[in-house]
Amino acid sequence: MEKRRFSRIAFEADAHLLVDQGRFSVQLQDISLKGALVDLKEGSHIDAAAERGTLEITLNNGILISMDVKIIHGTARRMGLECIQIDIDSIAHLRRLVELNLADESLLYRELKALVKNNE
């Protein structure tokens, strides 16, 4: 049974994951209001054990979405990231991105309400 509370949208983009080990180029595979799935670029390796960092996604129009993340699962090439903090500008841009890619606007508002409730 699917326990996911936030819709993931397929959205490919180049991004960077900044962790204590350095700055790594990653390929964004999908994103939600609560996290993202990324693939490490060839030749990169991150020790994912309880690692925290910052995911930076630059959209085609130059807008930057930046979120503090925790690696919650991963393999040598693919990692699931949970958003633990995001600034107001980034969440506004992410909200718009999700809104444009979800077919059901009521779903977006339900997810925003759940996101706010989780952070209270």
Protein backbone atom coordinates (compact mmCIF):
# COMPACT_ATOMS: atom_id res chain seq x y z
CA MET A 1 0.00 0.00 0.00
CA GLU A 2 1.32 3.46 -0.93
CA LYS A 3 1.92 5.68 2.13
CA ARG A 4 3.10 8.71 0.18
CA ARG A 5 1.31 11.90 1.26
CA PHE A 6 2.84 14.21 -1.34
CA SER A 7 2.54 13.77 -5.09
CA ARG A 8 5.79 13.36 -6.91
CA ILE A 9 6.03 14.91 -10.32
CA ALA A 10 8.48 13.67 -12.91
CA PHE A 11 10.77 16.61 -13.53
CA GLU A 12 14.24 16.22 -14.94
CA ALA A 13 16.75 18.98 -14.29
CA ASP A 14 20.40 19.42 -13.48
CA ALA A 15 20.99 20.17 -9.82
CA HIS A 16 23.70 20.19 -7.17
CA LEU A 17 23.82 18.40 -3.84
CA LEU A 18 26.07 20.09 -1.29
CA VAL A 19 27.18 17.86 1.59
CA ASP A 20 30.17 17.76 3.96
CA GLN A 21 32.03 15.68 1.37
CA GLY A 22 31.70 18.43 -1.26
CA ARG A 23 29.48 19.65 -4.08
CA PHE A 24 28.09 16.98 -6.41
CA SER A 25 26.28 17.31 -9.72
CA VAL A 26 23.04 15.34 -9.71
CA GLN A 27 20.20 14.75 -12.14
CA LEU A 28 16.79 15.48 -10.64
CA GLN A 29 14.30 12.71 -11.52
CA ASP A 30 11.24 13.81 -9.61
CA ILE A 31 10.23 16.33 -6.98
CA SER A 32 7.47 16.97 -4.46
CA LEU A 33 6.72 19.53 -1.80
CA LYS A 34 8.50 17.27 0.68
CA GLY A 35 11.54 15.99 -1.21
CA ALA A 36 13.19 14.78 -4.38
CA LEU A 37 14.72 11.79 -6.12
CA VAL A 38 18.13 12.36 -7.70
CA ASP A 39 20.72 10.39 -9.64
CA LEU A 40 24.39 11.03 -9.03
CA LYS A 41 26.36 11.93 -12.13
CA GLU A 42 28.84 9.35 -13.40
CA GLY A 43 31.94 8.95 -11.24
CA SER A 44 30.42 10.50 -8.09
CA HIS A 45 29.93 8.76 -4.76
CA ILE A 46 28.35 10.09 -1.58
CA ASP A 47 28.36 8.25 1.72
CA ALA A 48 24.63 8.40 2.41
CA ALA A 49 24.71 7.38 6.08
CA ALA A 50 22.46 9.96 7.80
CA GLU A 51 23.89 12.64 5.52
CA ARG A 52 22.33 16.09 5.44
CA GLY A 53 22.98 18.75 2.88
CA THR A 54 21.47 21.28 0.50
CA LEU A 55 19.83 20.53 -2.84
CA GLU A 56 20.04 23.39 -5.34
CA ILE A 57 17.91 23.23 -8.48
CA THR A 58 18.29 25.90 -11.14
CA LEU A 59 15.27 26.10 -13.42
CA ASN A 60 15.53 27.05 -17.11
CA ASN A 61 14.46 30.61 -16.34
CA GLY A 62 17.35 31.01 -13.87
CA ILE A 63 15.21 30.63 -10.74
CA LEU A 64 16.96 28.79 -7.91
CA ILE A 65 15.11 26.38 -5.62
CA SER A 66 17.22 25.56 -2.58
CA MET A 67 16.22 23.15 0.19
CA ASP A 68 17.99 21.62 3.15
CA VAL A 69 17.65 17.86 2.80
CA LYS A 70 18.30 14.58 4.51
CA ILE A 71 19.21 11.49 2.49
CA ILE A 72 16.55 8.99 3.51
CA HIS A 73 17.37 6.15 1.14
CA GLY A 74 19.80 5.50 -1.61
CA THR A 75 22.05 3.35 -3.69
CA ALA A 76 25.41 4.11 -5.23
CA ARG A 77 23.65 6.06 -8.01
CA ARG A 78 20.16 7.11 -6.81
CA MET A 79 19.08 8.90 -3.65
CA GLY A 80 15.78 9.86 -2.08
CA LEU A 81 15.96 13.21 -0.31
CA GLU A 82 13.57 14.53 2.33
CA CYS A 83 13.16 18.28 2.57
CA ILE A 84 13.79 19.35 6.17
CA GLN A 85 13.81 23.12 5.59
CA ILE A 86 13.12 25.46 2.68
CA ASP A 87 13.08 29.25 2.42
CA ILE A 88 9.96 31.20 1.49
CA ASP A 89 11.13 32.08 -2.04
CA SER A 90 12.09 28.50 -2.84
CA ILE A 91 8.80 27.07 -1.54
CA ALA A 92 6.88 29.62 -3.63
CA HIS A 93 8.76 28.53 -6.78
CA LEU A 94 8.39 24.84 -5.88
CA ARG A 95 4.67 25.31 -5.23
CA ARG A 96 4.27 26.89 -8.66
CA LEU A 97 6.25 24.08 -10.31
CA VAL A 98 4.09 21.44 -8.64
CA GLU A 99 0.92 23.38 -9.45
CA LEU A 100 1.80 23.53 -13.14
CA ASN A 101 2.44 19.79 -13.24
CA LEU A 102 -0.49 18.46 -11.18
CA ALA A 103 -3.75 17.91 -12.99
CA ASP A 104 -5.84 18.50 -9.87
CA GLU A 105 -5.49 21.89 -8.15
CA SER A 106 -7.39 20.67 -5.08
CA LEU A 107 -4.66 18.05 -4.59
CA LEU A 108 -2.06 20.84 -4.40
CA TYR A 109 -3.98 22.65 -1.67
CA ARG A 110 -4.47 19.43 0.30
CA GLU A 111 -0.72 18.79 0.13
CA LEU A 112 0.13 22.37 1.15
CA LYS A 113 -2.19 22.01 4.14
CA ALA A 114 -0.47 18.73 5.12
CA LEU A 115 2.95 20.34 4.73
CA VAL A 116 2.02 23.22 7.03
CA LYS A 117 0.48 20.83 9.56
CA ASN A 118 3.67 18.70 9.61
CA ASN A 119 5.80 21.77 10.34
CA GLU A 120 3.70 23.11 13.25
